[in-house]
Every structure is written in structure tokens, then in C-alpha cells.
C-alpha atoms as a PDB file:
ATOM      1  CA  MET A   1     184.490 137.930 156.952  1.00  0.00           C
ATOM      2  CA  ASN A   2     181.126 138.986 158.422  1.00  0.00           C
ATOM      3  CA  GLN A   3     178.733 136.547 160.092  1.00  0.00           C
ATOM      4  CA  VAL A   4     176.192 136.746 157.051  1.00  0.00           C
ATOM      5  CA  CYS A   5     178.929 135.916 154.509  1.00  0.00           C
ATOM      6  CA  LYS A   6     180.176 132.939 156.615  1.00  0.00           C
ATOM      7  CA  SER A   7     176.556 131.661 157.087  1.00  0.00           C
ATOM      8  CA  VAL A   8     176.020 131.842 153.303  1.00  0.00           C
ATOM      9  CA  LEU A   9     179.198 129.993 152.699  1.00  0.00           C
ATOM     10  CA  PHE A  10     178.267 127.326 155.226  1.00  0.00           C
ATOM     11  CA  VAL A  11     174.821 126.772 153.708  1.00  0.00           C
ATOM     12  CA  SER A  12     176.255 126.783 150.126  1.00  0.00           C
ATOM     13  CA  SER A  13     178.783 124.090 151.159  1.00  0.00           C
ATOM     14  CA  ILE A  14     176.124 121.977 152.691  1.00  0.00           C
ATOM     15  CA  LEU A  15     174.067 122.209 149.476  1.00  0.00           C
ATOM     16  CA  ILE A  16     177.168 121.230 147.502  1.00  0.00           C
ATOM     17  CA  LEU A  17     177.657 118.105 149.684  1.00  0.00           C
ATOM     18  CA  VAL A  18     174.056 117.122 149.195  1.00  0.00           C
ATOM     19  CA  ALA A  19     174.358 117.519 145.482  1.00  0.00           C
ATOM     20  CA  LEU A  20     177.540 115.478 145.401  1.00  0.00           C
ATOM     21  CA  SER A  21     175.987 112.720 147.613  1.00  0.00           C
ATOM     22  CA  THR A  22     172.936 112.520 145.320  1.00  0.00           C
ATOM     23  CA  SER A  23     175.229 112.326 142.227  1.00  0.00           C
ATOM     24  CA  VAL A  24     177.334 109.460 143.729  1.00  0.00           C
ATOM     25  CA  ARG A  25     174.337 107.440 144.815  1.00  0.00           C
ATOM     26  CA  ALA A  26     172.856 107.925 141.234  1.00  0.00           C
ATOM     27  CA  GLN A  27     175.845 106.045 139.856  1.00  0.00           C
ATOM     28  CA  ASP A  28     175.133 102.823 141.626  1.00  0.00           C
ATOM     29  CA  PRO A  29     174.533 100.143 138.984  1.00  0.00           C
ATOM     30  CA  VAL A  30     171.253  98.379 138.963  1.00  0.00           C
ATOM     31  CA  VAL A  31     171.936  94.807 139.496  1.00  0.00           C
ATOM     32  CA  ASP A  32     169.833  93.138 136.839  1.00  0.00           C
ATOM     33  CA  GLY A  33     172.198  91.388 134.405  1.00  0.00           C
ATOM     34  CA  TYR A  34     172.405  94.212 132.081  1.00  0.00           C
ATOM     35  CA  LEU A  35     175.610  96.347 131.576  1.00  0.00           C
ATOM     36  CA  ASP A  36     175.205  99.873 132.979  1.00  0.00           C
ATOM     37  CA  ALA A  37     177.124 102.887 131.508  1.00  0.00           C
ATOM     38  CA  GLY A  38     178.432 103.667 135.075  1.00  0.00           C
ATOM     39  CA  TYR A  39     180.793 100.727 134.857  1.00  0.00           C
ATOM     40  CA  GLY A  40     182.799 102.519 132.208  1.00  0.00           C
ATOM     41  CA  SER A  41     185.245 100.512 130.048  1.00  0.00           C
ATOM     42  CA  ALA A  42     185.967  96.846 130.476  1.00  0.00           C
ATOM     43  CA  LEU A  43     188.719  95.867 132.971  1.00  0.00           C
ATOM     44  CA  SER A  44     189.382  92.765 131.116  1.00  0.00           C
ATOM     45  CA  THR A  45     188.336  91.241 127.785  1.00  0.00           C
ATOM     46  CA  GLN A  46     188.348  87.521 126.608  1.00  0.00           C
ATOM     47  CA  THR A  47     191.388  86.465 124.633  1.00  0.00           C
ATOM     48  CA  CYS A  48     190.268  82.726 123.962  1.00  0.00           C
ATOM     49  CA  ASN A  49     187.487  81.296 121.859  1.00  0.00           C
ATOM     50  CA  THR A  50     185.488  79.046 124.261  1.00  0.00           C
ATOM     51  CA  SER A  51     186.334  75.303 124.811  1.00  0.00           C
ATOM     52  CA  TYR A  52     182.914  74.979 126.522  1.00  0.00           C
ATOM     53  CA  GLY A  53     180.698  75.311 123.398  1.00  0.00           C
ATOM     54  CA  LYS A  54     178.723  78.150 121.894  1.00  0.00           C
ATOM     55  CA  ALA A  55     175.216  78.918 123.174  1.00  0.00           C
ATOM     56  CA  THR A  56     172.511  79.136 120.554  1.00  0.00           C
ATOM     57  CA  GLY A  57     169.881  81.255 122.554  1.00  0.00           C
ATOM     58  CA  GLY A  58     167.338  80.753 125.198  1.00  0.00           C
ATOM     59  CA  ASP A  59     168.874  79.994 128.610  1.00  0.00           C
ATOM     60  CA  SER A  60     172.393  79.419 127.169  1.00  0.00           C
ATOM     61  CA  SER A  61     171.767  75.762 126.085  1.00  0.00           C
ATOM     62  CA  GLY A  62     174.862  74.358 124.437  1.00  0.00           C
ATOM     63  CA  GLY A  63     177.698  76.761 125.644  1.00  0.00           C
ATOM     64  CA  SER A  64     179.438  78.882 128.239  1.00  0.00           C
ATOM     65  CA  GLU A  65     181.733  81.886 127.945  1.00  0.00           C
ATOM     66  CA  LEU A  66     183.149  84.831 129.695  1.00  0.00           C
ATOM     67  CA  ASP A  67     183.452  87.871 127.317  1.00  0.00           C
ATOM     68  CA  ALA A  68     184.492  90.793 129.485  1.00  0.00           C
ATOM     69  CA  ALA A  69     184.779  91.994 133.169  1.00  0.00           C
ATOM     70  CA  TYR A  70     183.657  95.198 134.741  1.00  0.00           C
ATOM     71  CA  GLY A  71     183.886  96.531 138.226  1.00  0.00           C
ATOM     72  CA  VAL A  72     183.267  99.580 140.490  1.00  0.00           C
ATOM     73  CA  VAL A  73     183.081 100.183 144.100  1.00  0.00           C
ATOM     74  CA  ASN A  74     180.533 102.627 145.361  1.00  0.00           C
ATOM     75  CA  ALA A  75     178.521 103.340 148.599  1.00  0.00           C
ATOM     76  CA  GLY A  76     179.973 100.463 150.456  1.00  0.00           C
ATOM     77  CA  ASP A  77     179.389  97.759 147.806  1.00  0.00           C
ATOM     78  CA  LEU A  78     181.626  96.107 145.163  1.00  0.00           C
ATOM     79  CA  TYR A  79     179.776  95.809 141.714  1.00  0.00           C
ATOM     80  CA  LEU A  80     180.956  93.258 139.338  1.00  0.00           C
ATOM     81  CA  PHE A  81     179.580  92.506 135.869  1.00  0.00           C
ATOM     82  CA  MET A  82     180.739  89.360 133.998  1.00  0.00           C
ATOM     83  CA  ALA A  83     179.530  89.686 130.307  1.00  0.00           C
ATOM     84  CA  GLY A  84     178.755  86.267 128.761  1.00  0.00           C
ATOM     85  CA  ASN A  85     176.685  83.339 129.673  1.00  0.00           C
ATOM     86  CA  MET A  86     176.843  79.840 131.336  1.00  0.00           C
ATOM     87  CA  GLN A  87     175.310  76.670 130.174  1.00  0.00           C
ATOM     88  CA  ASN A  88     172.078  75.648 132.067  1.00  0.00           C
ATOM     89  CA  ASN A  89     173.585  72.228 132.943  1.00  0.00           C
ATOM     90  CA  GLY A  90     175.132  73.359 136.261  1.00  0.00           C
ATOM     91  CA  ASN A  91     178.208  74.932 134.831  1.00  0.00           C
ATOM     92  CA  ASN A  92     179.763  77.531 137.409  1.00  0.00           C
ATOM     93  CA  VAL A  93     181.034  81.034 137.067  1.00  0.00           C
ATOM     94  CA  ILE A  94     183.729  81.131 139.628  1.00  0.00           C
ATOM     95  CA  ILE A  95     185.004  84.499 141.043  1.00  0.00           C
ATOM     96  CA  TRP A  96     187.792  84.976 143.358  1.00  0.00           C
ATOM     97  CA  ILE A  97     188.252  88.305 145.155  1.00  0.00           C
ATOM     98  CA  GLN A  98     191.094  89.699 147.152  1.00  0.00           C
ATOM     99  CA  GLY A  99     189.561  92.474 149.314  1.00  0.00           C
ATOM    100  CA  ALA A 100     191.630  92.093 152.459  1.00  0.00           C
ATOM    101  CA  SER A 101     194.862  90.460 153.454  1.00  0.00           C
ATOM    102  CA  GLY A 102     195.012  86.810 154.923  1.00  0.00           C
ATOM    103  CA  GLY A 103     193.761  84.959 151.842  1.00  0.00           C
ATOM    104  CA  GLN A 104     195.102  81.998 150.009  1.00  0.00           C
ATOM    105  CA  SER A 105     197.885  81.920 147.391  1.00  0.00           C
ATOM    106  CA  THR A 106     197.062  78.089 147.024  1.00  0.00           C
ATOM    107  CA  LEU A 107     193.573  77.111 147.015  1.00  0.00           C
ATOM    108  CA  ASN A 108     192.559  75.115 150.090  1.00  0.00           C
ATOM    109  CA  ILE A 109     188.730  74.636 150.262  1.00  0.00           C
ATOM    110  CA  SER A 110     187.881  72.761 153.475  1.00  0.00           C
ATOM    111  CA  SER A 111     186.518  69.167 152.912  1.00  0.00           C
ATOM    112  CA  GLY A 112     182.935  68.395 152.331  1.00  0.00           C
ATOM    113  CA  TRP A 113     182.217  70.523 149.404  1.00  0.00           C
ATOM    114  CA  GLY A 114     182.619  69.722 145.663  1.00  0.00           C
ATOM    115  CA  ALA A 115     184.800  72.867 145.113  1.00  0.00           C
ATOM    116  CA  SER A 116     187.517  71.141 147.244  1.00  0.00           C
ATOM    117  CA  SER A 117     188.333  69.275 144.051  1.00  0.00           C
ATOM    118  CA  MET A 118     190.142  72.427 142.956  1.00  0.00           C
ATOM    119  CA  ASN A 119     192.507  72.286 145.946  1.00  0.00           C
ATOM    120  CA  GLY A 120     196.124  72.859 145.035  1.00  0.00           C
ATOM    121  CA  ALA A 121     195.447  75.312 142.225  1.00  0.00           C
ATOM    122  CA  LYS A 122     197.804  78.443 142.505  1.00  0.00           C
ATOM    123  CA  PHE A 123     197.243  81.958 142.024  1.00  0.00           C
ATOM    124  CA  SER A 124     199.649  84.630 140.462  1.00  0.00           C
ATOM    125  CA  PRO A 125     202.122  86.305 142.756  1.00  0.00           C
ATOM    126  CA  GLY A 126     200.460  89.093 144.618  1.00  0.00           C
ATOM    127  CA  PHE A 127     197.081  87.618 144.438  1.00  0.00           C
ATOM    128  CA  ALA A 128     195.819  85.962 147.532  1.00  0.00           C
ATOM    129  CA  PRO A 129     191.883  85.948 147.376  1.00  0.00           C
ATOM    130  CA  ASN A 130     189.965  85.974 150.699  1.00  0.00           C
ATOM    131  CA  LEU A 131     186.599  85.309 149.069  1.00  0.00           C
ATOM    132  CA  MET A 132     185.589  82.812 146.452  1.00  0.00           C
ATOM    133  CA  LEU A 133     182.025  82.850 145.106  1.00  0.00           C
ATOM    134  CA  THR A 134     180.329  80.394 142.702  1.00  0.00           C
ATOM    135  CA  VAL A 135     177.128  80.807 140.681  1.00  0.00           C
ATOM    136  CA  ASP A 136     175.606  78.150 138.606  1.00  0.00           C
ATOM    137  CA  ASP A 137     172.561  77.831 136.349  1.00  0.00           C
ATOM    138  CA  SER A 138     170.832  74.398 136.720  1.00  0.00           C
ATOM    139  CA  SER A 139     167.683  73.622 134.902  1.00  0.00           C
ATOM    140  CA  GLY A 140     166.001  76.936 135.638  1.00  0.00           C
ATOM    141  CA  THR A 141     167.435  77.846 139.043  1.00  0.00           C
ATOM    142  CA  LEU A 142     170.423  79.901 139.979  1.00  0.00           C
ATOM    143  CA  TYR A 143     172.480  78.695 142.845  1.00  0.00           C
ATOM    144  CA  ALA A 144     175.087  80.649 144.841  1.00  0.00           C
ATOM    145  CA  ASP A 145     177.894  79.673 147.291  1.00  0.00           C
ATOM    146  CA  THR A 146     180.466  81.589 149.122  1.00  0.00           C
ATOM    147  CA  PHE A 147     183.781  80.401 150.380  1.00  0.00           C
ATOM    148  CA  ALA A 148     185.668  82.623 152.948  1.00  0.00           C
ATOM    149  CA  LEU A 149     189.261  81.806 152.330  1.00  0.00           C
ATOM    150  CA  SER A 150     191.988  82.015 154.989  1.00  0.00           C
ATOM    151  CA  ALA A 151     195.243  80.277 155.833  1.00  0.00           C
ATOM    152  CA  SER A 152     193.509  77.656 157.846  1.00  0.00           C
ATOM    153  CA  GLY A 153     191.079  76.614 155.069  1.00  0.00           C
ATOM    154  CA  SER A 154     187.636  77.957 154.305  1.00  0.00           C
ATOM    155  CA  VAL A 155     184.133  78.663 155.593  1.00  0.00           C
ATOM    156  CA  ASN A 156     181.870  77.177 152.998  1.00  0.00           C
ATOM    157  CA  THR A 157     178.320  78.685 152.703  1.00  0.00           C
ATOM    158  CA  TYR A 158     175.457  77.634 150.388  1.00  0.00           C
ATOM    159  CA  ILE A 159     173.689  81.166 150.443  1.00  0.00           C
ATOM    160  CA  GLY A 160     170.617  80.266 148.490  1.00  0.00           C
ATOM    161  CA  ASP A 161     168.939  80.186 145.056  1.00  0.00           C
ATOM    162  CA  LEU A 162     166.786  82.232 142.694  1.00  0.00           C
ATOM    163  CA  ALA A 163     164.142  80.991 140.275  1.00  0.00           C
ATOM    164  CA  GLU A 164     164.785  81.859 136.699  1.00  0.00           C
ATOM    165  CA  SER A 165     162.406  82.597 133.773  1.00  0.00           C
ATOM    166  CA  SER A 166     162.459  80.378 130.751  1.00  0.00           C
ATOM    167  CA  LYS A 167     165.298  82.356 129.174  1.00  0.00           C
ATOM    168  CA  GLY A 168     167.591  82.519 132.118  1.00  0.00           C
ATOM    169  CA  PHE A 169     166.515  85.731 133.614  1.00  0.00           C
ATOM    170  CA  ALA A 170     167.015  86.103 137.405  1.00  0.00           C
ATOM    171  CA  ASP A 171     167.498  88.915 139.841  1.00  0.00           C
ATOM    172  CA  GLY A 172     167.181  89.317 143.481  1.00  0.00           C
ATOM    173  CA  SER A 173     169.347  89.243 146.696  1.00  0.00           C
ATOM    174  CA  ILE A 174     170.737  86.239 148.499  1.00  0.00           C
ATOM    175  CA  ALA A 175     172.177  86.655 151.972  1.00  0.00           C
ATOM    176  CA  GLY A 176     172.794  90.314 151.230  1.00  0.00           C
ATOM    177  CA  ILE A 177     174.537  89.813 147.892  1.00  0.00           C
ATOM    178  CA  ALA A 178     172.673  91.269 144.972  1.00  0.00           C
ATOM    179  CA  ILE A 179     172.664  88.937 141.904  1.00  0.00           C
ATOM    180  CA  GLY A 180     171.332  89.558 138.292  1.00  0.00           C
ATOM    181  CA  LEU A 181     171.525  87.145 135.412  1.00  0.00           C
ATOM    182  CA  VAL A 182     170.522  87.637 131.773  1.00  0.00           C
ATOM    183  CA  ASN A 183     171.604  84.320 130.328  1.00  0.00           C
ATOM    184  CA  THR A 184     170.668  84.911 126.642  1.00  0.00           C
ATOM    185  CA  ASN A 185     174.106  85.841 125.023  1.00  0.00           C
ATOM    186  CA  THR A 186     174.876  84.461 121.594  1.00  0.00           C
ATOM    187  CA  ALA A 187     177.447  87.116 120.618  1.00  0.00           C
ATOM    188  CA  GLY A 188     181.080  87.547 121.811  1.00  0.00           C
ATOM    189  CA  VAL A 189     183.577  84.709 121.365  1.00  0.00           C
ATOM    190  CA  SER A 190     183.234  81.811 118.957  1.00  0.00           C
ATOM    191  CA  ASN A 191     183.506  77.997 119.730  1.00  0.00           C
ATOM    192  CA  GLN A 192     186.823  77.702 117.760  1.00  0.00           C
ATOM    193  CA  ALA A 193     188.907  76.659 120.811  1.00  0.00           C
ATOM    194  CA  GLY A 194     192.525  76.925 120.446  1.00  0.00           C
ATOM    195  CA  THR A 195     192.277  80.206 118.508  1.00  0.00           C
ATOM    196  CA  ALA A 196     192.380  83.851 119.685  1.00  0.00           C
ATOM    197  CA  ALA A 197     189.159  85.568 120.233  1.00  0.00           C
ATOM    198  CA  ASN A 198     188.097  88.842 118.734  1.00  0.00           C
ATOM    199  CA  GLN A 199     188.399  91.083 121.727  1.00  0.00           C
ATOM    200  CA  ALA A 200     186.407  93.859 120.090  1.00  0.00           C
ATOM    201  CA  ASN A 201     183.462  91.456 119.796  1.00  0.00           C
ATOM    202  CA  SER A 202     183.906  90.464 123.470  1.00  0.00           C
ATOM    203  CA  ALA A 203     183.598  94.072 124.572  1.00  0.00           C
ATOM    204  CA  LYS A 204     180.373  94.465 122.825  1.00  0.00           C
ATOM    205  CA  VAL A 205     178.503  91.922 124.997  1.00  0.00           C
ATOM    206  CA  GLY A 206     176.075  93.774 127.384  1.00  0.00           C
ATOM    207  CA  VAL A 207     174.292  90.978 129.275  1.00  0.00           C
ATOM    208  CA  GLY A 208     175.590  88.397 131.754  1.00  0.00           C
ATOM    209  CA  LEU A 209     176.133  87.895 135.435  1.00  0.00           C
ATOM    210  CA  GLU A 210     176.021  90.821 137.833  1.00  0.00           C
ATOM    211  CA  LEU A 211     176.868  91.077 141.461  1.00  0.00           C
ATOM    212  CA  GLY A 212     176.647  93.604 144.232  1.00  0.00           C
ATOM    213  CA  ILE A 213     178.698  92.432 147.094  1.00  0.00           C
ATOM    214  CA  PRO A 214     178.918  94.398 150.411  1.00  0.00           C
ATOM    215  CA  LEU A 215     182.519  95.338 151.207  1.00  0.00           C
ATOM    216  CA  SER A 216     181.818  93.930 154.725  1.00  0.00           C
ATOM    217  CA  GLU A 217     181.633  90.544 153.005  1.00  0.00           C
ATOM    218  CA  LEU A 218     185.377  90.947 151.995  1.00  0.00           C
ATOM    219  CA  GLY A 219     186.502  92.412 155.361  1.00  0.00           C
ATOM    220  CA  TYR A 220     187.484  95.254 153.211  1.00  0.00           C
ATOM    221  CA  THR A 221     189.248  98.360 154.853  1.00  0.00           C
ATOM    222  CA  SER A 222     191.121 100.265 151.958  1.00  0.00           C
ATOM    223  CA  GLY A 223     193.009 100.005 148.780  1.00  0.00           C
ATOM    224  CA  ASN A 224     192.359  98.252 145.490  1.00  0.00           C
ATOM    225  CA  ILE A 225     190.354  95.032 145.027  1.00  0.00           C
ATOM    226  CA  GLU A 226     191.740  92.344 142.861  1.00  0.00           C
ATOM    227  CA  VAL A 227     189.568  89.797 141.017  1.00  0.00           C
ATOM    228  CA  MET A 228     189.794  86.730 138.873  1.00  0.00           C
ATOM    229  CA  ALA A 229     186.991  84.774 137.263  1.00  0.00           C
ATOM    230  CA  ALA A 230     186.619  81.480 135.366  1.00  0.00           C
ATOM    231  CA  ILE A 231     184.036  79.043 134.111  1.00  0.00           C
ATOM    232  CA  GLY A 232     183.929  75.460 135.369  1.00  0.00           C
ATOM    233  CA  ASN A 233     181.721  72.512 135.255  1.00  0.00           C
ATOM    234  CA  SER A 234     179.098  71.484 137.885  1.00  0.00           C
ATOM    235  CA  THR A 235     181.602  69.988 140.441  1.00  0.00           C
ATOM    236  CA  PRO A 236     183.689  72.038 139.598  1.00  0.00           C
ATOM    237  CA  ASN A 237     186.548  69.762 138.991  1.00  0.00           C
ATOM    238  CA  ASN A 238     187.184  70.954 135.507  1.00  0.00           C
ATOM    239  CA  LEU A 239     187.833  74.378 134.415  1.00  0.00           C
ATOM    240  CA  SER A 240     187.264  75.762 130.829  1.00  0.00           C
ATOM    241  CA  ASN A 241     189.687  78.106 128.955  1.00  0.00           C
ATOM    242  CA  GLN A 242     187.290  80.961 129.893  1.00  0.00           C
ATOM    243  CA  PHE A 243     189.284  83.012 132.439  1.00  0.00           C
ATOM    244  CA  LEU A 244     189.299  86.704 132.919  1.00  0.00           C
ATOM    245  CA  PRO A 245     191.789  87.994 132.536  1.00  0.00           C
ATOM    246  CA  GLY A 246     192.173  85.935 129.329  1.00  0.00           C
ATOM    247  CA  LEU A 247     194.794  83.277 128.740  1.00  0.00           C
ATOM    248  CA  PRO A 248     196.972  82.501 125.789  1.00  0.00           C
ATOM    249  CA  SER A 249     194.752  81.008 122.927  1.00  0.00           C
ATOM    250  CA  THR A 250     196.487  77.682 123.183  1.00  0.00           C
ATOM    251  CA  TYR A 251     195.169  77.117 126.675  1.00  0.00           C
ATOM    252  CA  SER A 252     192.575  74.391 126.842  1.00  0.00           C
ATOM    253  CA  SER A 253     190.034  73.186 129.417  1.00  0.00           C
ATOM    254  CA  GLY A 254     191.286  70.550 131.945  1.00  0.00           C
ATOM    255  CA  PRO A 255     191.288  69.439 135.552  1.00  0.00           C
ATOM    256  CA  ALA A 256     190.845  72.313 137.995  1.00  0.00           C
ATOM    257  CA  THR A 257     193.913  71.320 140.096  1.00  0.00           C
ATOM    258  CA  ASN A 258     196.110  71.869 136.884  1.00  0.00           C
ATOM    259  CA  PHE A 259     195.785  75.561 136.991  1.00  0.00           C
ATOM    260  CA  ASN A 260     199.005  77.096 138.211  1.00  0.00           C
ATOM    261  CA  PHE A 261     199.685  80.761 137.836  1.00  0.00           C
ATOM    262  CA  SER A 262     202.431  80.949 140.352  1.00  0.00           C
ATOM    263  CA  SER A 263     204.877  81.921 137.614  1.00  0.00           C
ATOM    264  CA  THR A 264     202.390  84.033 135.881  1.00  0.00           C
ATOM    265  CA  SER A 265     202.127  87.655 136.790  1.00  0.00           C
ATOM    266  CA  GLY A 266     198.947  89.701 136.677  1.00  0.00           C
ATOM    267  CA  GLU A 267     196.457  86.886 136.192  1.00  0.00           C
ATOM    268  CA  PHE A 268     193.853  89.126 137.986  1.00  0.00           C
ATOM    269  CA  PHE A 269     192.140  92.444 137.234  1.00  0.00           C
ATOM    270  CA  THR A 270     192.027  95.495 139.499  1.00  0.00           C
ATOM    271  CA  VAL A 271     188.963  97.354 140.628  1.00  0.00           C
ATOM    272  CA  VAL A 272     190.051 100.849 141.886  1.00  0.00           C
ATOM    273  CA  PRO A 273     187.601 102.451 144.391  1.00  0.00           C
ATOM    274  CA  GLU A 274     186.524 106.026 143.503  1.00  0.00           C
ATOM    275  CA  PRO A 275     188.127 108.752 145.491  1.00  0.00           C
ATOM    276  CA  SER A 276     185.803 109.872 148.114  1.00  0.00           C
ATOM    277  CA  THR A 277     184.977 113.308 146.830  1.00  0.00           C
ATOM    278  CA  ILE A 278     182.544 114.042 149.611  1.00  0.00           C
ATOM    279  CA  CYS A 279     185.265 113.343 152.237  1.00  0.00           C
ATOM    280  CA  LEU A 280     187.551 115.676 150.351  1.00  0.00           C
ATOM    281  CA  VAL A 281     185.097 118.419 150.271  1.00  0.00           C
ATOM    282  CA  VAL A 282     184.184 118.007 153.922  1.00  0.00           C
ATOM    283  CA  LEU A 283     187.916 118.120 154.875  1.00  0.00           C
ATOM    284  CA  GLY A 284     188.337 121.233 152.780  1.00  0.00           C
ATOM    285  CA  LEU A 285     185.311 122.866 154.463  1.00  0.00           C
ATOM    286  CA  PHE A 286     186.591 122.140 157.903  1.00  0.00           C
ATOM    287  CA  GLY A 287     190.087 123.457 156.928  1.00  0.00           C
ATOM    288  CA  ALA A 288     188.467 126.615 155.572  1.00  0.00           C
ATOM    289  CA  ILE A 289     186.449 127.150 158.731  1.00  0.00           C
ATOM    290  CA  GLY A 290     189.714 126.585 160.761  1.00  0.00           C
ATOM    291  CA  LEU A 291     191.476 129.222 158.722  1.00  0.00           C
ATOM    292  CA  VAL A 292     188.707 131.689 159.193  1.00  0.00           C
ATOM    293  CA  ARG A 293     188.863 131.079 163.069  1.00  0.00           C
ATOM    294  CA  ARG A 294     192.672 131.505 163.063  1.00  0.00           C
ATOM    295  CA  HIS A 295     192.536 134.546 161.011  1.00  0.00           C
ATOM    296  CA  LYS A 296     189.837 136.082 163.248  1.00  0.00           C
ATOM    297  CA  ALA A 297     191.980 135.282 166.412  1.00  0.00           C
END
């Protein structure tokens, strides 16, 4: 291969890398509380009609529900979208994430925080989250807390708040975590608690709570990311039947310490990071260059 051909190959490869990089970056979701096509299909849909009432409009007065969960990993961030809504009385969306080893299989929030009322709750085998995040809507303000979970307890951090519009719209960044909320959903599940939800209707909801969480917040290094979500009251010492993944339709709300999935497999959903196409291309390019050099020698 002459020098001109090798130069053309090298320049062409660089252009391909730039194009791929632009393509990957273009797929980043916009964290605004609206479901983006880049999320693909739902990773989990709701199986239970809500025990926490049905919202009738506006800033979700009268009800809370989780209809479907979506997630992708891209460019150093975990993006999560929880379709549904939360009542503006301080009800919490609670999200547990396993992004690294060393988390908790039995919840142990260090004392001094209301969330410690959930202590003793047990997760599914193989699920030991190392981060818990709570987001609540209280009278026109969105509040957020993080809990770094480890064998010794937790590091509890109130990370801040965002002002909402009159209809529960909020978007911004709190302590490096992007948050978007569109709290206007009236579709999805019904309020007939104790009966099975229409999962096709759940999958049609396109507004809710959206998060962009830096992987560094999880201590992430590699592998899949496991997630579970629930809705609880303002303390939260009571959890609704709105979990994702969904539970049997007979499940009802109750004290948070009662939830025990230690004998229930798979009570979490998996976010699989996209393969690093750019890295594969780079490795292939360097391999090709090495082969040319060896052939020439």
C-alpha cells in the first residue's frame, strides 16, 4: 500500500469516527419530562392499578402512579424516564440504583432522615443498590435527595430544589443531576386498586419524571445497571403499590418496612449500556495500521 493510499485510509477513518461521535451525542435524551424516542421500548410497565388515587389534571392533584420505566446509558450519564405522575402533597418517587458493588441488600439509611423509616426493607437476590434518590412535589416545588448506600449505612444529602410552574413543569440541574418533570398525566393506570392494570395503556404515557445522572455519582466502572422504583408518601414511611417492575395486582400500599423481596427474584429492571462503537472502530483502525506495518516489514 503506497503512502497516498494509507493517508486517504487514515483521513477517511478519522471522518468516520467524527461522524459516529456526532451520531452518539445526538442520541442523548433532552431531560425535560417528555419521553424521547431515543429511549426505545419500555424496560418495565405497570401491572397494578394505583392505590394512591388517580390524578384529574393540573399538578397531579389527587393521585400518584408509575406507568412505565425507560433507561439508557450514553456519554457518561445514566438517563432514566419514569412515565406517570406524583401527587403535589409531598409524595415521593423513590429510585434505587445498583451501579457498582458494595451496596445494600437490606435497606439501612443512617439516622436523622425521614427515609430511615424504611430501614429493614429487603431487595431481591442479586440486587444491592448503592444509590437511592428521592424526588417529591410539594406545593409547587420539586425537592430532591440522594442517599449513597454502603454496608456501613448511608451518606444522606439534600441536593436542592426546583421551582415548578402551576401545572407541575420543572427542569434544571441539581448538584450535577439533570431533572425534568411534567406532572400532568391523567392517562395510564386506573384507581381500581386490587385489579390488574392495562399495560398497553401504561406504555402509552409520555410524560413524567426524567433524570440524567452522571455515572460517577454511581461509582460506575462497567457492566449493566439495575434499577427499581416506587412511590411513597412524604415521610416516606408508607409505600404505594406503584413499583416498577410491577407487582401482583393483589399487592396494596402499606408500611415501607413491610416490603420484602428477598424471596422474589427479578424485582428490578436492567439498563444495558450501549456498546462503545467508537472504541471498537478505534481498536480496529489501530489493528489495521499494525497489520500494514507488519506486512511492510
